[in-house]
Amino acid sequence: MKPPLLNRKLILETPERLADGAGGYTVTWVPLGEHWAEIRPGTGRERALETLTVANVPLRITLRASPEGAPSRPRPEQRFRDGNRILRILAVTEADGGTRYLTCFAHEEVSQ
């Protein structure tokens, strides 16, 4: 495996539920730390909804591996922040046999 070019600084965030005082909760995002990563686009696809067409491009984010169970190891319910961009993590796997790198499969969340 060719070593990835870790040239993007991403902030790993995890959701935290806070009681809203009315029996429900709100979700806030708590930063866990920084990761230098390589972001590569996957194959895009397009689908038509009733009134518009939506394009979706999956992302492959490669970063240095963290041990299983470490707070710095990304998990699917978490997200990366790249400035104003939000990259929701869908799955995480080892990128190589030596477990030096992780690959996170993600989608960019765009608020309308």
PDB file of N, CA and C in Angstrom:
ATOM      1  N   MET A   1       0.835  -1.176   0.000  1.00  0.00           N
ATOM      2  CA  MET A   1       0.000   0.000   0.000  1.00  0.00           C
ATOM      3  C   MET A   1       0.887   1.249   0.000  1.00  0.00           C
ATOM      4  N   LYS A   2       0.577   2.166  -0.884  1.00  0.00           N
ATOM      5  CA  LYS A   2       1.285   3.436  -0.930  1.00  0.00           C
ATOM      6  C   LYS A   2       0.821   4.286   0.249  1.00  0.00           C
ATOM      7  N   PRO A   3       1.735   4.892   1.014  1.00  0.00           N
ATOM      8  CA  PRO A   3       1.308   5.688   2.173  1.00  0.00           C
ATOM      9  C   PRO A   3       0.411   6.847   1.746  1.00  0.00           C
ATOM     10  N   PRO A   4      -0.651   7.112   2.505  1.00  0.00           N
ATOM     11  CA  PRO A   4      -1.554   8.211   2.150  1.00  0.00           C
ATOM     12  C   PRO A   4      -0.892   9.564   2.400  1.00  0.00           C
ATOM     13  N   LEU A   5      -1.369  10.577   1.710  1.00  0.00           N
ATOM     14  CA  LEU A   5      -0.902  11.944   1.886  1.00  0.00           C
ATOM     15  C   LEU A   5      -1.814  12.605   2.934  1.00  0.00           C
ATOM     16  N   LEU A   6      -1.366  12.638   4.171  1.00  0.00           N
ATOM     17  CA  LEU A   6      -2.177  13.149   5.286  1.00  0.00           C
ATOM     18  C   LEU A   6      -2.023  14.672   5.340  1.00  0.00           C
ATOM     19  N   ASN A   7      -2.804  15.368   4.514  1.00  0.00           N
ATOM     20  CA  ASN A   7      -2.647  16.808   4.362  1.00  0.00           C
ATOM     21  C   ASN A   7      -3.863  17.637   4.793  1.00  0.00           C
ATOM     22  N   ARG A   8      -4.860  17.015   5.410  1.00  0.00           N
ATOM     23  CA  ARG A   8      -6.054  17.729   5.861  1.00  0.00           C
ATOM     24  C   ARG A   8      -6.224  17.548   7.360  1.00  0.00           C
ATOM     25  N   LYS A   9      -6.318  18.652   8.081  1.00  0.00           N
ATOM     26  CA  LYS A   9      -6.530  18.563   9.533  1.00  0.00           C
ATOM     27  C   LYS A   9      -8.033  18.535   9.797  1.00  0.00           C
ATOM     28  N   LEU A  10      -8.506  17.418  10.373  1.00  0.00           N
ATOM     29  CA  LEU A  10      -9.920  17.219  10.678  1.00  0.00           C
ATOM     30  C   LEU A  10     -10.103  17.165  12.186  1.00  0.00           C
ATOM     31  N   ILE A  11     -11.236  17.659  12.645  1.00  0.00           N
ATOM     32  CA  ILE A  11     -11.608  17.581  14.060  1.00  0.00           C
ATOM     33  C   ILE A  11     -12.614  16.448  14.212  1.00  0.00           C
ATOM     34  N   LEU A  12     -12.302  15.466  15.053  1.00  0.00           N
ATOM     35  CA  LEU A  12     -13.229  14.374  15.347  1.00  0.00           C
ATOM     36  C   LEU A  12     -14.195  14.845  16.427  1.00  0.00           C
ATOM     37  N   GLU A  13     -15.498  14.702  16.174  1.00  0.00           N
ATOM     38  CA  GLU A  13     -16.529  15.126  17.124  1.00  0.00           C
ATOM     39  C   GLU A  13     -17.450  13.959  17.441  1.00  0.00           C
ATOM     40  N   THR A  14     -17.955  13.932  18.671  1.00  0.00           N
ATOM     41  CA  THR A  14     -18.888  12.895  19.096  1.00  0.00           C
ATOM     42  C   THR A  14     -20.173  13.555  19.594  1.00  0.00           C
ATOM     43  N   PRO A  15     -21.335  12.917  19.389  1.00  0.00           N
ATOM     44  CA  PRO A  15     -22.584  13.520  19.857  1.00  0.00           C
ATOM     45  C   PRO A  15     -22.748  13.339  21.369  1.00  0.00           C
ATOM     46  N   GLU A  16     -23.336  14.337  21.985  1.00  0.00           N
ATOM     47  CA  GLU A  16     -23.641  14.266  23.418  1.00  0.00           C
ATOM     48  C   GLU A  16     -25.061  14.762  23.619  1.00  0.00           C
ATOM     49  N   ARG A  17     -25.865  13.949  24.311  1.00  0.00           N
ATOM     50  CA  ARG A  17     -27.263  14.323  24.582  1.00  0.00           C
ATOM     51  C   ARG A  17     -27.339  15.149  25.850  1.00  0.00           C
ATOM     52  N   LEU A  18     -28.049  16.259  25.770  1.00  0.00           N
ATOM     53  CA  LEU A  18     -28.276  17.115  26.927  1.00  0.00           C
ATOM     54  C   LEU A  18     -29.770  17.247  27.151  1.00  0.00           C
ATOM     55  N   ALA A  19     -30.195  17.052  28.388  1.00  0.00           N
ATOM     56  CA  ALA A  19     -31.625  17.180  28.716  1.00  0.00           C
ATOM     57  C   ALA A  19     -32.076  18.612  28.437  1.00  0.00           C
ATOM     58  N   ASP A  20     -33.283  18.728  27.840  1.00  0.00           N
ATOM     59  CA  ASP A  20     -33.793  20.064  27.529  1.00  0.00           C
ATOM     60  C   ASP A  20     -34.745  20.602  28.590  1.00  0.00           C
ATOM     61  N   GLY A  21     -34.974  19.836  29.676  1.00  0.00           N
ATOM     62  CA  GLY A  21     -35.845  20.276  30.765  1.00  0.00           C
ATOM     63  C   GLY A  21     -37.317  20.016  30.517  1.00  0.00           C
ATOM     64  N   ALA A  22     -37.665  19.518  29.353  1.00  0.00           N
ATOM     65  CA  ALA A  22     -39.062  19.239  29.027  1.00  0.00           C
ATOM     66  C   ALA A  22     -39.270  17.765  28.734  1.00  0.00           C
ATOM     67  N   GLY A  23     -38.354  16.919  29.199  1.00  0.00           N
ATOM     68  CA  GLY A  23     -38.480  15.482  28.985  1.00  0.00           C
ATOM     69  C   GLY A  23     -37.769  14.984  27.748  1.00  0.00           C
ATOM     70  N   GLY A  24     -37.229  15.872  26.952  1.00  0.00           N
ATOM     71  CA  GLY A  24     -36.520  15.477  25.743  1.00  0.00           C
ATOM     72  C   GLY A  24     -35.035  15.774  25.875  1.00  0.00           C
ATOM     73  N   TYR A  25     -34.384  15.898  24.767  1.00  0.00           N
ATOM     74  CA  TYR A  25     -32.956  16.197  24.790  1.00  0.00           C
ATOM     75  C   TYR A  25     -32.570  16.933  23.510  1.00  0.00           C
ATOM     76  N   THR A  26     -31.439  17.576  23.574  1.00  0.00           N
ATOM     77  CA  THR A  26     -30.824  18.173  22.396  1.00  0.00           C
ATOM     78  C   THR A  26     -29.461  17.510  22.215  1.00  0.00           C
ATOM     79  N   VAL A  27     -28.992  17.498  20.997  1.00  0.00           N
ATOM     80  CA  VAL A  27     -27.691  16.896  20.702  1.00  0.00           C
ATOM     81  C   VAL A  27     -26.692  18.014  20.440  1.00  0.00           C
ATOM     82  N   THR A  28     -25.578  17.960  21.153  1.00  0.00           N
ATOM     83  CA  THR A  28     -24.466  18.863  20.888  1.00  0.00           C
ATOM     84  C   THR A  28     -23.275  18.022  20.465  1.00  0.00           C
ATOM     85  N   TRP A  29     -22.340  18.642  19.792  1.00  0.00           N
ATOM     86  CA  TRP A  29     -21.168  17.923  19.291  1.00  0.00           C
ATOM     87  C   TRP A  29     -19.948  18.369  20.068  1.00  0.00           C
ATOM     88  N   VAL A  30     -19.253  17.402  20.655  1.00  0.00           N
ATOM     89  CA  VAL A  30     -18.092  17.646  21.503  1.00  0.00           C
ATOM     90  C   VAL A  30     -16.828  17.231  20.751  1.00  0.00           C
ATOM     91  N   PRO A  31     -15.847  18.143  20.602  1.00  0.00           N
ATOM     92  CA  PRO A  31     -14.602  17.769  19.934  1.00  0.00           C
ATOM     93  C   PRO A  31     -13.784  16.780  20.772  1.00  0.00           C
ATOM     94  N   LEU A  32     -13.231  15.762  20.092  1.00  0.00           N
ATOM     95  CA  LEU A  32     -12.396  14.764  20.768  1.00  0.00           C
ATOM     96  C   LEU A  32     -10.921  14.934  20.441  1.00  0.00           C
ATOM     97  N   GLY A  33     -10.615  15.607  19.359  1.00  0.00           N
ATOM     98  CA  GLY A  33      -9.213  15.780  18.980  1.00  0.00           C
ATOM     99  C   GLY A  33      -9.059  15.980  17.491  1.00  0.00           C
ATOM    100  N   GLU A  34      -7.818  16.147  17.081  1.00  0.00           N
ATOM    101  CA  GLU A  34      -7.487  16.387  15.676  1.00  0.00           C
ATOM    102  C   GLU A  34      -6.857  15.159  15.046  1.00  0.00           C
ATOM    103  N   HIS A  35      -7.116  15.003  13.755  1.00  0.00           N
ATOM    104  CA  HIS A  35      -6.493  13.943  12.962  1.00  0.00           C
ATOM    105  C   HIS A  35      -6.034  14.555  11.652  1.00  0.00           C
ATOM    106  N   TRP A  36      -4.828  14.194  11.228  1.00  0.00           N
ATOM    107  CA  TRP A  36      -4.392  14.537   9.891  1.00  0.00           C
ATOM    108  C   TRP A  36      -4.824  13.400   8.983  1.00  0.00           C
ATOM    109  N   ALA A  37      -5.450  13.748   7.860  1.00  0.00           N
ATOM    110  CA  ALA A  37      -6.072  12.722   7.025  1.00  0.00           C
ATOM    111  C   ALA A  37      -5.941  13.046   5.541  1.00  0.00           C
ATOM    112  N   GLU A  38      -6.212  12.021   4.755  1.00  0.00           N
ATOM    113  CA  GLU A  38      -6.340  12.157   3.304  1.00  0.00           C
ATOM    114  C   GLU A  38      -7.807  11.925   2.971  1.00  0.00           C
ATOM    115  N   ILE A  39      -8.405  12.818   2.193  1.00  0.00           N
ATOM    116  CA  ILE A  39      -9.805  12.683   1.791  1.00  0.00           C
ATOM    117  C   ILE A  39      -9.843  12.416   0.291  1.00  0.00           C
ATOM    118  N   ARG A  40     -10.507  11.312  -0.079  1.00  0.00           N
ATOM    119  CA  ARG A  40     -10.643  10.962  -1.493  1.00  0.00           C
ATOM    120  C   ARG A  40     -12.112  10.763  -1.803  1.00  0.00           C
ATOM    121  N   PRO A  41     -12.590  11.347  -2.895  1.00  0.00           N
ATOM    122  CA  PRO A  41     -13.990  11.141  -3.263  1.00  0.00           C
ATOM    123  C   PRO A  41     -14.206   9.756  -3.851  1.00  0.00           C
ATOM    124  N   GLY A  42     -15.380   9.206  -3.590  1.00  0.00           N
ATOM    125  CA  GLY A  42     -15.764   7.935  -4.185  1.00  0.00           C
ATOM    126  C   GLY A  42     -16.530   8.190  -5.467  1.00  0.00           C
ATOM    127  N   THR A  43     -17.257   7.214  -5.923  1.00  0.00           N
ATOM    128  CA  THR A  43     -18.064   7.343  -7.128  1.00  0.00           C
ATOM    129  C   THR A  43     -19.369   8.031  -6.782  1.00  0.00           C
ATOM    130  N   GLY A  44     -19.646   9.107  -7.458  1.00  0.00           N
ATOM    131  CA  GLY A  44     -20.873   9.863  -7.194  1.00  0.00           C
ATOM    132  C   GLY A  44     -22.087   9.208  -7.822  1.00  0.00           C
ATOM    133  N   ARG A  45     -23.233   9.597  -7.333  1.00  0.00           N
ATOM    134  CA  ARG A  45     -24.481   9.120  -7.924  1.00  0.00           C
ATOM    135  C   ARG A  45     -25.519  10.225  -7.782  1.00  0.00           C
ATOM    136  N   GLU A  46     -26.543  10.102  -8.565  1.00  0.00           N
ATOM    137  CA  GLU A  46     -27.564  11.126  -8.595  1.00  0.00           C
ATOM    138  C   GLU A  46     -28.916  10.442  -8.503  1.00  0.00           C
ATOM    139  N   ARG A  47     -29.826  11.050  -7.771  1.00  0.00           N
ATOM    140  CA  ARG A  47     -31.172  10.486  -7.712  1.00  0.00           C
ATOM    141  C   ARG A  47     -32.175  11.625  -7.768  1.00  0.00           C
ATOM    142  N   ALA A  48     -33.298  11.348  -8.364  1.00  0.00           N
ATOM    143  CA  ALA A  48     -34.335  12.357  -8.523  1.00  0.00           C
ATOM    144  C   ALA A  48     -35.372  12.214  -7.420  1.00  0.00           C
ATOM    145  N   LEU A  49     -35.663  13.318  -6.777  1.00  0.00           N
ATOM    146  CA  LEU A  49     -36.758  13.379  -5.829  1.00  0.00           C
ATOM    147  C   LEU A  49     -37.923  14.059  -6.531  1.00  0.00           C
ATOM    148  N   GLU A  50     -39.002  14.327  -5.822  1.00  0.00           N
ATOM    149  CA  GLU A  50     -40.189  14.887  -6.471  1.00  0.00           C
ATOM    150  C   GLU A  50     -39.908  16.193  -7.206  1.00  0.00           C
ATOM    151  N   THR A  51     -39.198  17.103  -6.564  1.00  0.00           N
ATOM    152  CA  THR A  51     -39.024  18.427  -7.170  1.00  0.00           C
ATOM    153  C   THR A  51     -37.579  18.792  -7.467  1.00  0.00           C
ATOM    154  N   LEU A  52     -36.624  17.938  -7.117  1.00  0.00           N
ATOM    155  CA  LEU A  52     -35.230  18.266  -7.366  1.00  0.00           C
ATOM    156  C   LEU A  52     -34.397  17.010  -7.535  1.00  0.00           C
ATOM    157  N   THR A  53     -33.188  17.214  -8.012  1.00  0.00           N
ATOM    158  CA  THR A  53     -32.225  16.130  -8.166  1.00  0.00           C
ATOM    159  C   THR A  53     -31.163  16.289  -7.089  1.00  0.00           C
ATOM    160  N   VAL A  54     -30.840  15.190  -6.418  1.00  0.00           N
ATOM    161  CA  VAL A  54     -29.865  15.220  -5.335  1.00  0.00           C
ATOM    162  C   VAL A  54     -28.637  14.420  -5.759  1.00  0.00           C
ATOM    163  N   ALA A  55     -27.476  15.047  -5.630  1.00  0.00           N
ATOM    164  CA  ALA A  55     -26.222  14.363  -5.930  1.00  0.00           C
ATOM    165  C   ALA A  55     -25.575  13.948  -4.614  1.00  0.00           C
ATOM    166  N   ASN A  56     -24.943  12.785  -4.622  1.00  0.00           N
ATOM    167  CA  ASN A  56     -24.318  12.255  -3.419  1.00  0.00           C
ATOM    168  C   ASN A  56     -22.958  11.681  -3.798  1.00  0.00           C
ATOM    169  N   VAL A  57     -21.907  12.136  -3.095  1.00  0.00           N
ATOM    170  CA  VAL A  57     -20.563  11.616  -3.340  1.00  0.00           C
ATOM    171  C   VAL A  57     -20.022  11.062  -2.027  1.00  0.00           C
ATOM    172  N   PRO A  58     -19.821   9.744  -1.940  1.00  0.00           N
ATOM    173  CA  PRO A  58     -19.219   9.187  -0.728  1.00  0.00           C
ATOM    174  C   PRO A  58     -17.744   9.572  -0.647  1.00  0.00           C
ATOM    175  N   LEU A  59     -17.214   9.615   0.562  1.00  0.00           N
ATOM    176  CA  LEU A  59     -15.826   9.977   0.782  1.00  0.00           C
ATOM    177  C   LEU A  59     -15.093   8.839   1.474  1.00  0.00           C
ATOM    178  N   ARG A  60     -13.812   8.694   1.154  1.00  0.00           N
ATOM    179  CA  ARG A  60     -12.918   7.761   1.853  1.00  0.00           C
ATOM    180  C   ARG A  60     -11.896   8.617   2.567  1.00  0.00           C
ATOM    181  N   ILE A  61     -11.900   8.551   3.889  1.00  0.00           N
ATOM    182  CA  ILE A  61     -10.989   9.344   4.707  1.00  0.00           C
ATOM    183  C   ILE A  61      -9.979   8.389   5.333  1.00  0.00           C
ATOM    184  N   THR A  62      -8.699   8.578   5.020  1.00  0.00           N
ATOM    185  CA  THR A  62      -7.638   7.725   5.555  1.00  0.00           C
ATOM    186  C   THR A  62      -6.846   8.513   6.580  1.00  0.00           C
ATOM    187  N   LEU A  63      -6.600   7.890   7.742  1.00  0.00           N
ATOM    188  CA  LEU A  63      -5.857   8.534   8.823  1.00  0.00           C
ATOM    189  C   LEU A  63      -5.036   7.494   9.562  1.00  0.00           C
ATOM    190  N   ARG A  64      -4.140   7.964  10.427  1.00  0.00           N
ATOM    191  CA  ARG A  64      -3.340   7.028  11.220  1.00  0.00           C
ATOM    192  C   ARG A  64      -4.257   6.241  12.157  1.00  0.00           C
ATOM    193  N   ALA A  65      -3.934   4.979  12.341  1.00  0.00           N
ATOM    194  CA  ALA A  65      -4.772   4.107  13.172  1.00  0.00           C
ATOM    195  C   ALA A  65      -4.632   4.458  14.645  1.00  0.00           C
ATOM    196  N   SER A  66      -5.710   4.237  15.367  1.00  0.00           N
ATOM    197  CA  SER A  66      -5.745   4.326  16.827  1.00  0.00           C
ATOM    198  C   SER A  66      -6.150   2.953  17.339  1.00  0.00           C
ATOM    199  N   PRO A  67      -5.720   2.566  18.543  1.00  0.00           N
ATOM    200  CA  PRO A  67      -6.080   1.249  19.060  1.00  0.00           C
ATOM    201  C   PRO A  67      -7.593   1.100  19.243  1.00  0.00           C
ATOM    202  N   GLU A  68      -8.063  -0.110  19.096  1.00  0.00           N
ATOM    203  CA  GLU A  68      -9.471  -0.432  19.325  1.00  0.00           C
ATOM    204  C   GLU A  68      -9.869   0.016  20.728  1.00  0.00           C
ATOM    205  N   GLY A  69     -10.967   0.757  20.849  1.00  0.00           N
ATOM    206  CA  GLY A  69     -11.452   1.216  22.141  1.00  0.00           C
ATOM    207  C   GLY A  69     -10.882   2.554  22.591  1.00  0.00           C
ATOM    208  N   ALA A  70      -9.885   3.081  21.887  1.00  0.00           N
ATOM    209  CA  ALA A  70      -9.314   4.385  22.256  1.00  0.00           C
ATOM    210  C   ALA A  70     -10.292   5.499  21.894  1.00  0.00           C
ATOM    211  N   PRO A  71     -10.385   6.560  22.712  1.00  0.00           N
ATOM    212  CA  PRO A  71     -11.306   7.654  22.394  1.00  0.00           C
ATOM    213  C   PRO A  71     -10.959   8.354  21.081  1.00  0.00           C
ATOM    214  N   SER A  72      -9.708   8.254  20.654  1.00  0.00           N
ATOM    215  CA  SER A  72      -9.293   8.905  19.411  1.00  0.00           C
ATOM    216  C   SER A  72      -9.650   8.095  18.162  1.00  0.00           C
ATOM    217  N   ARG A  73     -10.117   6.850  18.344  1.00  0.00           N
ATOM    218  CA  ARG A  73     -10.491   6.015  17.189  1.00  0.00           C
ATOM    219  C   ARG A  73     -11.908   6.387  16.743  1.00  0.00           C
ATOM    220  N   PRO A  74     -12.066   6.801  15.490  1.00  0.00           N
ATOM    221  CA  PRO A  74     -13.397   7.183  15.001  1.00  0.00           C
ATOM    222  C   PRO A  74     -14.383   6.026  15.045  1.00  0.00           C
ATOM    223  N   ARG A  75     -15.663   6.367  15.251  1.00  0.00           N
ATOM    224  CA  ARG A  75     -16.762   5.393  15.263  1.00  0.00           C
ATOM    225  C   ARG A  75     -17.867   5.895  14.343  1.00  0.00           C
ATOM    226  N   PRO A  76     -18.742   5.003  13.864  1.00  0.00           N
ATOM    227  CA  PRO A  76     -19.778   5.408  12.921  1.00  0.00           C
ATOM    228  C   PRO A  76     -20.742   6.486  13.399  1.00  0.00           C
ATOM    229  N   GLU A  77     -21.007   6.617  14.684  1.00  0.00           N
ATOM    230  CA  GLU A  77     -21.958   7.647  15.112  1.00  0.00           C
ATOM    231  C   GLU A  77     -21.316   9.034  15.222  1.00  0.00           C
ATOM    232  N   GLN A  78     -20.028   9.119  14.935  1.00  0.00           N
ATOM    233  CA  GLN A  78     -19.301  10.382  15.063  1.00  0.00           C
ATOM    234  C   GLN A  78     -19.181  11.082  13.712  1.00  0.00           C
ATOM    235  N   ARG A  79     -18.489  12.233  13.733  1.00  0.00           N
ATOM    236  CA  ARG A  79     -18.295  12.980  12.500  1.00  0.00           C
ATOM    237  C   ARG A  79     -16.960  13.714  12.562  1.00  0.00           C
ATOM    238  N   PHE A  80     -16.491  14.101  11.370  1.00  0.00           N
ATOM    239  CA  PHE A  80     -15.316  14.958  11.258  1.00  0.00           C
ATOM    240  C   PHE A  80     -15.788  16.344  10.859  1.00  0.00           C
ATOM    241  N   ARG A  81     -15.076  17.354  11.326  1.00  0.00           N
ATOM    242  CA  ARG A  81     -15.327  18.721  10.892  1.00  0.00           C
ATOM    243  C   ARG A  81     -14.077  19.206  10.177  1.00  0.00           C
ATOM    244  N   ASP A  82     -14.280  19.757   8.986  1.00  0.00           N
ATOM    245  CA  ASP A  82     -13.208  20.327   8.182  1.00  0.00           C
ATOM    246  C   ASP A  82     -13.603  21.771   7.893  1.00  0.00           C
ATOM    247  N   GLY A  83     -13.270  22.665   8.815  1.00  0.00           N
ATOM    248  CA  GLY A  83     -13.743  24.049   8.696  1.00  0.00           C
ATOM    249  C   GLY A  83     -15.252  24.065   8.857  1.00  0.00           C
ATOM    250  N   ASN A  84     -15.965  24.493   7.820  1.00  0.00           N
ATOM    251  CA  ASN A  84     -17.434  24.503   7.857  1.00  0.00           C
ATOM    252  C   ASN A  84     -18.045  23.214   7.325  1.00  0.00           C
ATOM    253  N   ARG A  85     -17.224  22.328   6.784  1.00  0.00           N
ATOM    254  CA  ARG A  85     -17.735  21.067   6.243  1.00  0.00           C
ATOM    255  C   ARG A  85     -17.948  20.056   7.365  1.00  0.00           C
ATOM    256  N   ILE A  86     -19.053  19.308   7.291  1.00  0.00           N
ATOM    257  CA  ILE A  86     -19.371  18.236   8.232  1.00  0.00           C
ATOM    258  C   ILE A  86     -19.336  16.926   7.461  1.00  0.00           C
ATOM    259  N   LEU A  87     -18.498  15.985   7.926  1.00  0.00           N
ATOM    260  CA  LEU A  87     -18.325  14.692   7.267  1.00  0.00           C
ATOM    261  C   LEU A  87     -18.794  13.597   8.223  1.00  0.00           C
ATOM    262  N   ARG A  88     -19.979  13.061   7.970  1.00  0.00           N
ATOM    263  CA  ARG A  88     -20.576  12.047   8.844  1.00  0.00           C
ATOM    264  C   ARG A  88     -19.960  10.685   8.568  1.00  0.00           C
ATOM    265  N   ILE A  89     -19.472  10.038   9.613  1.00  0.00           N
ATOM    266  CA  ILE A  89     -18.804   8.741   9.481  1.00  0.00           C
ATOM    267  C   ILE A  89     -19.848   7.626   9.417  1.00  0.00           C
ATOM    268  N   LEU A  90     -19.767   6.808   8.367  1.00  0.00           N
ATOM    269  CA  LEU A  90     -20.700   5.694   8.184  1.00  0.00           C
ATOM    270  C   LEU A  90     -20.103   4.364   8.627  1.00  0.00           C
ATOM    271  N   ALA A  91     -18.800   4.170   8.381  1.00  0.00           N
ATOM    272  CA  ALA A  91     -18.126   2.915   8.733  1.00  0.00           C
ATOM    273  C   ALA A  91     -16.635   3.168   8.862  1.00  0.00           C
ATOM    274  N   VAL A  92     -15.968   2.312   9.648  1.00  0.00           N
ATOM    275  CA  VAL A  92     -14.522   2.429   9.870  1.00  0.00           C
ATOM    276  C   VAL A  92     -13.907   1.036   9.736  1.00  0.00           C
ATOM    277  N   THR A  93     -12.770   0.949   9.033  1.00  0.00           N
ATOM    278  CA  THR A  93     -12.076  -0.319   8.877  1.00  0.00           C
ATOM    279  C   THR A  93     -10.571  -0.066   8.775  1.00  0.00           C
ATOM    280  N   GLU A  94      -9.777  -1.101   8.973  1.00  0.00           N
ATOM    281  CA  GLU A  94      -8.332  -0.982   8.805  1.00  0.00           C
ATOM    282  C   GLU A  94      -8.033  -0.848   7.314  1.00  0.00           C
ATOM    283  N   ALA A  95      -7.134   0.060   6.985  1.00  0.00           N
ATOM    284  CA  ALA A  95      -6.803   0.305   5.579  1.00  0.00           C
ATOM    285  C   ALA A  95      -5.707  -0.619   5.072  1.00  0.00           C
ATOM    286  N   ASP A  96      -4.917  -1.172   5.989  1.00  0.00           N
ATOM    287  CA  ASP A  96      -3.804  -2.015   5.572  1.00  0.00           C
ATOM    288  C   ASP A  96      -3.640  -3.179   6.534  1.00  0.00           C
ATOM    289  N   GLY A  97      -2.883  -4.169   6.138  1.00  0.00           N
ATOM    290  CA  GLY A  97      -2.673  -5.354   6.963  1.00  0.00           C
ATOM    291  C   GLY A  97      -1.881  -5.087   8.227  1.00  0.00           C
ATOM    292  N   GLY A  98      -1.036  -4.071   8.216  1.00  0.00           N
ATOM    293  CA  GLY A  98      -0.235  -3.736   9.386  1.00  0.00           C
ATOM    294  C   GLY A  98      -0.958  -2.849  10.379  1.00  0.00           C
ATOM    295  N   THR A  99      -2.188  -2.551  10.111  1.00  0.00           N
ATOM    296  CA  THR A  99      -3.039  -1.687  10.941  1.00  0.00           C
ATOM    297  C   THR A  99      -2.365  -0.365  11.288  1.00  0.00           C
ATOM    298  N   ARG A 100      -1.683   0.216  10.303  1.00  0.00           N
ATOM    299  CA  ARG A 100      -1.085   1.535  10.505  1.00  0.00           C
ATOM    300  C   ARG A 100      -2.071   2.650  10.188  1.00  0.00           C
ATOM    301  N   TYR A 101      -3.046   2.340   9.327  1.00  0.00           N
ATOM    302  CA  TYR A 101      -4.006   3.352   8.894  1.00  0.00           C
ATOM    303  C   TYR A 101      -5.431   2.822   9.017  1.00  0.00           C
ATOM    304  N   LEU A 102      -6.364   3.750   9.179  1.00  0.00           N
ATOM    305  CA  LEU A 102      -7.794   3.442   9.169  1.00  0.00           C
ATOM    306  C   LEU A 102      -8.422   4.118   7.965  1.00  0.00           C
ATOM    307  N   THR A 103      -9.458   3.505   7.422  1.00  0.00           N
ATOM    308  CA  THR A 103     -10.275   4.145   6.395  1.00  0.00           C
ATOM    309  C   THR A 103     -11.664   4.363   6.977  1.00  0.00           C
ATOM    310  N   CYS A 104     -12.128   5.595   6.904  1.00  0.00           N
ATOM    311  CA  CYS A 104     -13.475   5.949   7.329  1.00  0.00           C
ATOM    312  C   CYS A 104     -14.283   6.245   6.072  1.00  0.00           C
ATOM    313  N   PHE A 105     -15.412   5.574   5.936  1.00  0.00           N
ATOM    314  CA  PHE A 105     -16.326   5.854   4.837  1.00  0.00           C
ATOM    315  C   PHE A 105     -17.314   6.896   5.353  1.00  0.00           C
ATOM    316  N   ALA A 106     -17.458   7.974   4.622  1.00  0.00           N
ATOM    317  CA  ALA A 106     -18.241   9.109   5.134  1.00  0.00           C
ATOM    318  C   ALA A 106     -19.036   9.759   4.010  1.00  0.00           C
ATOM    319  N   HIS A 107     -19.983  10.604   4.411  1.00  0.00           N
ATOM    320  CA  HIS A 107     -20.754  11.455   3.501  1.00  0.00           C
ATOM    321  C   HIS A 107     -20.714  12.858   4.060  1.00  0.00           C
ATOM    322  N   GLU A 108     -20.679  13.827   3.166  1.00  0.00           N
ATOM    323  CA  GLU A 108     -20.724  15.221   3.615  1.00  0.00           C
ATOM    324  C   GLU A 108     -22.170  15.604   3.881  1.00  0.00           C
ATOM    325  N   GLU A 109     -22.403  16.219   5.045  1.00  0.00           N
ATOM    326  CA  GLU A 109     -23.730  16.712   5.370  1.00  0.00           C
ATOM    327  C   GLU A 109     -23.821  18.166   4.929  1.00  0.00           C
ATOM    328  N   VAL A 110     -24.849  18.470   4.159  1.00  0.00           N
ATOM    329  CA  VAL A 110     -25.043  19.827   3.668  1.00  0.00           C
ATOM    330  C   VAL A 110     -26.366  20.326   4.212  1.00  0.00           C
ATOM    331  N   SER A 111     -26.321  21.460   4.937  1.00  0.00           N
ATOM    332  CA  SER A 111     -27.575  22.007   5.453  1.00  0.00           C
ATOM    333  C   SER A 111     -28.169  22.948   4.423  1.00  0.00           C
ATOM    334  N   GLN A 112     -29.459  22.845   4.244  1.00  0.00           N
ATOM    335  CA  GLN A 112     -30.179  23.653   3.260  1.00  0.00           C
ATOM    336  C   GLN A 112     -30.826  24.848   3.903  1.00  0.00           C
TER     337      GLN A 112
END
